Amino acid sequence: MQEIDLDLLRNERTVTIGTVFPESMATAIEERAKSELISRSSWLRRVVLAELQRANA
């Protein structure tokens, strides 16, 4: 699997995808994002990137 370069990703064109979560999971994501003072999308993006990097390790 290809290594993810976060510096390159910052300049790459973005794509919006729809994801459906159970209500309890969506609420938990919202609460965690609020506690870290970031948007839901930023929080989710950070979690997904962390998981991808962990999978590559």
PDB file of N, CA and C in Angstrom:
ATOM      1  N   MET A   1       0.839  -1.175   0.000  1.00  0.00           N
ATOM      2  CA  MET A   1       0.000   0.000   0.000  1.00  0.00           C
ATOM      3  C   MET A   1       0.887   1.243   0.000  1.00  0.00           C
ATOM      4  N   GLN A   2       0.476   2.268  -0.698  1.00  0.00           N
ATOM      5  CA  GLN A   2       1.250   3.490  -0.835  1.00  0.00           C
ATOM      6  C   GLN A   2       1.231   4.303   0.457  1.00  0.00           C
ATOM      7  N   GLU A   3       2.384   4.867   0.827  1.00  0.00           N
ATOM      8  CA  GLU A   3       2.463   5.709   2.021  1.00  0.00           C
ATOM      9  C   GLU A   3       1.729   7.027   1.771  1.00  0.00           C
ATOM     10  N   ILE A   4       1.104   7.557   2.795  1.00  0.00           N
ATOM     11  CA  ILE A   4       0.319   8.786   2.688  1.00  0.00           C
ATOM     12  C   ILE A   4       1.183   9.969   3.093  1.00  0.00           C
ATOM     13  N   ASP A   5       1.343  10.930   2.197  1.00  0.00           N
ATOM     14  CA  ASP A   5       2.115  12.144   2.459  1.00  0.00           C
ATOM     15  C   ASP A   5       1.122  13.275   2.733  1.00  0.00           C
ATOM     16  N   LEU A   6       0.996  13.654   4.002  1.00  0.00           N
ATOM     17  CA  LEU A   6       0.013  14.672   4.382  1.00  0.00           C
ATOM     18  C   LEU A   6       0.289  16.023   3.733  1.00  0.00           C
ATOM     19  N   ASP A   7       1.555  16.351   3.517  1.00  0.00           N
ATOM     20  CA  ASP A   7       1.870  17.628   2.875  1.00  0.00           C
ATOM     21  C   ASP A   7       1.343  17.678   1.440  1.00  0.00           C
ATOM     22  N   LEU A   8       1.450  16.563   0.727  1.00  0.00           N
ATOM     23  CA  LEU A   8       0.920  16.517  -0.635  1.00  0.00           C
ATOM     24  C   LEU A   8      -0.604  16.551  -0.641  1.00  0.00           C
ATOM     25  N   LEU A   9      -1.219  15.882   0.330  1.00  0.00           N
ATOM     26  CA  LEU A   9      -2.682  15.829   0.382  1.00  0.00           C
ATOM     27  C   LEU A   9      -3.308  17.197   0.605  1.00  0.00           C
ATOM     28  N   ARG A  10      -2.622  18.069   1.319  1.00  0.00           N
ATOM     29  CA  ARG A  10      -3.174  19.406   1.594  1.00  0.00           C
ATOM     30  C   ARG A  10      -3.433  20.203   0.316  1.00  0.00           C
ATOM     31  N   ASN A  11      -2.667  19.929  -0.724  1.00  0.00           N
ATOM     32  CA  ASN A  11      -2.795  20.670  -1.974  1.00  0.00           C
ATOM     33  C   ASN A  11      -3.612  19.943  -3.035  1.00  0.00           C
ATOM     34  N   GLU A  12      -4.034  18.737  -2.711  1.00  0.00           N
ATOM     35  CA  GLU A  12      -4.769  17.930  -3.685  1.00  0.00           C
ATOM     36  C   GLU A  12      -6.241  18.344  -3.738  1.00  0.00           C
ATOM     37  N   ARG A  13      -6.842  18.180  -4.905  1.00  0.00           N
ATOM     38  CA  ARG A  13      -8.266  18.446  -5.084  1.00  0.00           C
ATOM     39  C   ARG A  13      -9.061  17.530  -4.166  1.00  0.00           C
ATOM     40  N   THR A  14     -10.166  18.006  -3.629  1.00  0.00           N
ATOM     41  CA  THR A  14     -10.968  17.204  -2.703  1.00  0.00           C
ATOM     42  C   THR A  14     -12.194  16.617  -3.388  1.00  0.00           C
ATOM     43  N   VAL A  15     -12.712  15.564  -2.790  1.00  0.00           N
ATOM     44  CA  VAL A  15     -13.918  14.893  -3.259  1.00  0.00           C
ATOM     45  C   VAL A  15     -14.830  14.713  -2.050  1.00  0.00           C
ATOM     46  N   THR A  16     -16.090  15.045  -2.184  1.00  0.00           N
ATOM     47  CA  THR A  16     -17.055  14.867  -1.106  1.00  0.00           C
ATOM     48  C   THR A  16     -17.731  13.519  -1.265  1.00  0.00           C
ATOM     49  N   ILE A  17     -17.738  12.751  -0.170  1.00  0.00           N
ATOM     50  CA  ILE A  17     -18.419  11.456  -0.188  1.00  0.00           C
ATOM     51  C   ILE A  17     -19.453  11.444   0.926  1.00  0.00           C
ATOM     52  N   GLY A  18     -20.534  10.762   0.695  1.00  0.00           N
ATOM     53  CA  GLY A  18     -21.567  10.645   1.722  1.00  0.00           C
ATOM     54  C   GLY A  18     -21.342   9.380   2.525  1.00  0.00           C
ATOM     55  N   THR A  19     -21.404   9.494   3.826  1.00  0.00           N
ATOM     56  CA  THR A  19     -21.229   8.352   4.707  1.00  0.00           C
ATOM     57  C   THR A  19     -22.379   8.337   5.700  1.00  0.00           C
ATOM     58  N   VAL A  20     -22.934   7.179   5.919  1.00  0.00           N
ATOM     59  CA  VAL A  20     -24.047   7.041   6.850  1.00  0.00           C
ATOM     60  C   VAL A  20     -23.548   6.347   8.110  1.00  0.00           C
ATOM     61  N   PHE A  21     -23.831   6.964   9.268  1.00  0.00           N
ATOM     62  CA  PHE A  21     -23.444   6.416  10.558  1.00  0.00           C
ATOM     63  C   PHE A  21     -24.685   6.202  11.406  1.00  0.00           C
ATOM     64  N   PRO A  22     -24.642   5.222  12.303  1.00  0.00           N
ATOM     65  CA  PRO A  22     -25.718   5.106  13.280  1.00  0.00           C
ATOM     66  C   PRO A  22     -25.781   6.393  14.122  1.00  0.00           C
ATOM     67  N   GLU A  23     -26.953   6.739  14.598  1.00  0.00           N
ATOM     68  CA  GLU A  23     -27.137   8.004  15.317  1.00  0.00           C
ATOM     69  C   GLU A  23     -26.199   8.120  16.516  1.00  0.00           C
ATOM     70  N   SER A  24     -26.026   7.047  17.275  1.00  0.00           N
ATOM     71  CA  SER A  24     -25.162   7.107  18.460  1.00  0.00           C
ATOM     72  C   SER A  24     -23.707   7.385  18.072  1.00  0.00           C
ATOM     73  N   MET A  25     -23.278   6.819  16.955  1.00  0.00           N
ATOM     74  CA  MET A  25     -21.915   7.050  16.490  1.00  0.00           C
ATOM     75  C   MET A  25     -21.757   8.495  16.002  1.00  0.00           C
ATOM     76  N   ALA A  26     -22.742   8.997  15.292  1.00  0.00           N
ATOM     77  CA  ALA A  26     -22.692  10.378  14.816  1.00  0.00           C
ATOM     78  C   ALA A  26     -22.655  11.356  15.997  1.00  0.00           C
ATOM     79  N   THR A  27     -23.409  11.054  17.038  1.00  0.00           N
ATOM     80  CA  THR A  27     -23.416  11.903  18.234  1.00  0.00           C
ATOM     81  C   THR A  27     -22.055  11.874  18.914  1.00  0.00           C
ATOM     82  N   ALA A  28     -21.456  10.698  19.010  1.00  0.00           N
ATOM     83  CA  ALA A  28     -20.131  10.573  19.621  1.00  0.00           C
ATOM     84  C   ALA A  28     -19.082  11.350  18.819  1.00  0.00           C
ATOM     85  N   ILE A  29     -19.151  11.272  17.505  1.00  0.00           N
ATOM     86  CA  ILE A  29     -18.227  12.019  16.642  1.00  0.00           C
ATOM     87  C   ILE A  29     -18.402  13.511  16.870  1.00  0.00           C
ATOM     88  N   GLU A  30     -19.640  13.967  16.908  1.00  0.00           N
ATOM     89  CA  GLU A  30     -19.934  15.389  17.142  1.00  0.00           C
ATOM     90  C   GLU A  30     -19.362  15.844  18.486  1.00  0.00           C
ATOM     91  N   GLU A  31     -19.552  15.046  19.531  1.00  0.00           N
ATOM     92  CA  GLU A  31     -19.060  15.413  20.861  1.00  0.00           C
ATOM     93  C   GLU A  31     -17.540  15.469  20.908  1.00  0.00           C
ATOM     94  N   ARG A  32     -16.894  14.505  20.283  1.00  0.00           N
ATOM     95  CA  ARG A  32     -15.421  14.509  20.268  1.00  0.00           C
ATOM     96  C   ARG A  32     -14.884  15.699  19.478  1.00  0.00           C
ATOM     97  N   ALA A  33     -15.506  15.987  18.359  1.00  0.00           N
ATOM     98  CA  ALA A  33     -15.065  17.133  17.556  1.00  0.00           C
ATOM     99  C   ALA A  33     -15.240  18.428  18.345  1.00  0.00           C
ATOM    100  N   LYS A  34     -16.379  18.566  19.024  1.00  0.00           N
ATOM    101  CA  LYS A  34     -16.610  19.764  19.841  1.00  0.00           C
ATOM    102  C   LYS A  34     -15.584  19.887  20.955  1.00  0.00           C
ATOM    103  N   SER A  35     -15.254  18.759  21.596  1.00  0.00           N
ATOM    104  CA  SER A  35     -14.294  18.809  22.706  1.00  0.00           C
ATOM    105  C   SER A  35     -12.902  19.218  22.222  1.00  0.00           C
ATOM    106  N   GLU A  36     -12.606  18.946  20.964  1.00  0.00           N
ATOM    107  CA  GLU A  36     -11.310  19.309  20.396  1.00  0.00           C
ATOM    108  C   GLU A  36     -11.379  20.618  19.600  1.00  0.00           C
ATOM    109  N   LEU A  37     -12.556  21.237  19.608  1.00  0.00           N
ATOM    110  CA  LEU A  37     -12.774  22.528  18.944  1.00  0.00           C
ATOM    111  C   LEU A  37     -12.441  22.486  17.453  1.00  0.00           C
ATOM    112  N   ILE A  38     -12.832  21.391  16.798  1.00  0.00           N
ATOM    113  CA  ILE A  38     -12.652  21.279  15.348  1.00  0.00           C
ATOM    114  C   ILE A  38     -13.969  20.821  14.731  1.00  0.00           C
ATOM    115  N   SER A  39     -14.055  20.911  13.422  1.00  0.00           N
ATOM    116  CA  SER A  39     -15.284  20.494  12.736  1.00  0.00           C
ATOM    117  C   SER A  39     -15.358  18.974  12.666  1.00  0.00           C
ATOM    118  N   ARG A  40     -16.566  18.473  12.474  1.00  0.00           N
ATOM    119  CA  ARG A  40     -16.758  17.024  12.316  1.00  0.00           C
ATOM    120  C   ARG A  40     -15.917  16.490  11.175  1.00  0.00           C
ATOM    121  N   SER A  41     -15.950  17.194  10.044  1.00  0.00           N
ATOM    122  CA  SER A  41     -15.220  16.693   8.876  1.00  0.00           C
ATOM    123  C   SER A  41     -13.719  16.653   9.139  1.00  0.00           C
ATOM    124  N   SER A  42     -13.189  17.649   9.835  1.00  0.00           N
ATOM    125  CA  SER A  42     -11.757  17.634  10.170  1.00  0.00           C
ATOM    126  C   SER A  42     -11.429  16.488  11.105  1.00  0.00           C
ATOM    127  N   TRP A  43     -12.292  16.251  12.084  1.00  0.00           N
ATOM    128  CA  TRP A  43     -12.074  15.162  13.028  1.00  0.00           C
ATOM    129  C   TRP A  43     -12.106  13.822  12.312  1.00  0.00           C
ATOM    130  N   LEU A  44     -13.119  13.633  11.461  1.00  0.00           N
ATOM    131  CA  LEU A  44     -13.226  12.366  10.716  1.00  0.00           C
ATOM    132  C   LEU A  44     -12.033  12.157   9.790  1.00  0.00           C
ATOM    133  N   ARG A  45     -11.625  13.209   9.104  1.00  0.00           N
ATOM    134  CA  ARG A  45     -10.484  13.105   8.190  1.00  0.00           C
ATOM    135  C   ARG A  45      -9.228  12.690   8.961  1.00  0.00           C
ATOM    136  N   ARG A  46      -9.025  13.293  10.140  1.00  0.00           N
ATOM    137  CA  ARG A  46      -7.859  12.963  10.950  1.00  0.00           C
ATOM    138  C   ARG A  46      -7.899  11.497  11.407  1.00  0.00           C
ATOM    139  N   VAL A  47      -9.071  11.016  11.814  1.00  0.00           N
ATOM    140  CA  VAL A  47      -9.214   9.627  12.253  1.00  0.00           C
ATOM    141  C   VAL A  47      -8.956   8.664  11.094  1.00  0.00           C
ATOM    142  N   VAL A  48      -9.524   8.961   9.943  1.00  0.00           N
ATOM    143  CA  VAL A  48      -9.332   8.089   8.776  1.00  0.00           C
ATOM    144  C   VAL A  48      -7.859   8.037   8.385  1.00  0.00           C
ATOM    145  N   LEU A  49      -7.197   9.179   8.343  1.00  0.00           N
ATOM    146  CA  LEU A  49      -5.766   9.204   7.998  1.00  0.00           C
ATOM    147  C   LEU A  49      -4.931   8.441   9.017  1.00  0.00           C
ATOM    148  N   ALA A  50      -5.258   8.584  10.298  1.00  0.00           N
ATOM    149  CA  ALA A  50      -4.529   7.856  11.344  1.00  0.00           C
ATOM    150  C   ALA A  50      -4.689   6.354  11.164  1.00  0.00           C
ATOM    151  N   GLU A  51      -5.893   5.917  10.841  1.00  0.00           N
ATOM    152  CA  GLU A  51      -6.143   4.484  10.636  1.00  0.00           C
ATOM    153  C   GLU A  51      -5.423   3.973   9.391  1.00  0.00           C
ATOM    154  N   LEU A  52      -5.405   4.754   8.341  1.00  0.00           N
ATOM    155  CA  LEU A  52      -4.691   4.353   7.129  1.00  0.00           C
ATOM    156  C   LEU A  52      -3.190   4.240   7.392  1.00  0.00           C
ATOM    157  N   GLN A  53      -2.654   5.196   8.121  1.00  0.00           N
ATOM    158  CA  GLN A  53      -1.229   5.155   8.446  1.00  0.00           C
ATOM    159  C   GLN A  53      -0.912   3.966   9.349  1.00  0.00           C
ATOM    160  N   ARG A  54      -1.802   3.664  10.285  1.00  0.00           N
ATOM    161  CA  ARG A  54      -1.606   2.519  11.179  1.00  0.00           C
ATOM    162  C   ARG A  54      -1.634   1.215  10.377  1.00  0.00           C
ATOM    163  N   ALA A  55      -2.510   1.151   9.392  1.00  0.00           N
ATOM    164  CA  ALA A  55      -2.603  -0.046   8.557  1.00  0.00           C
ATOM    165  C   ALA A  55      -1.332  -0.228   7.723  1.00  0.00           C
ATOM    166  N   ASN A  56      -0.693   0.884   7.359  1.00  0.00           N
ATOM    167  CA  ASN A  56       0.540   0.809   6.561  1.00  0.00           C
ATOM    168  C   ASN A  56       1.743   0.446   7.400  1.00  0.00           C
ATOM    169  N   ALA A  57       1.655   0.587   8.703  1.00  0.00           N
ATOM    170  CA  ALA A  57       2.813   0.336   9.595  1.00  0.00           C
ATOM    171  C   ALA A  57       3.104  -1.144   9.749  1.00  0.00           C
TER     172      ALA A  57
END
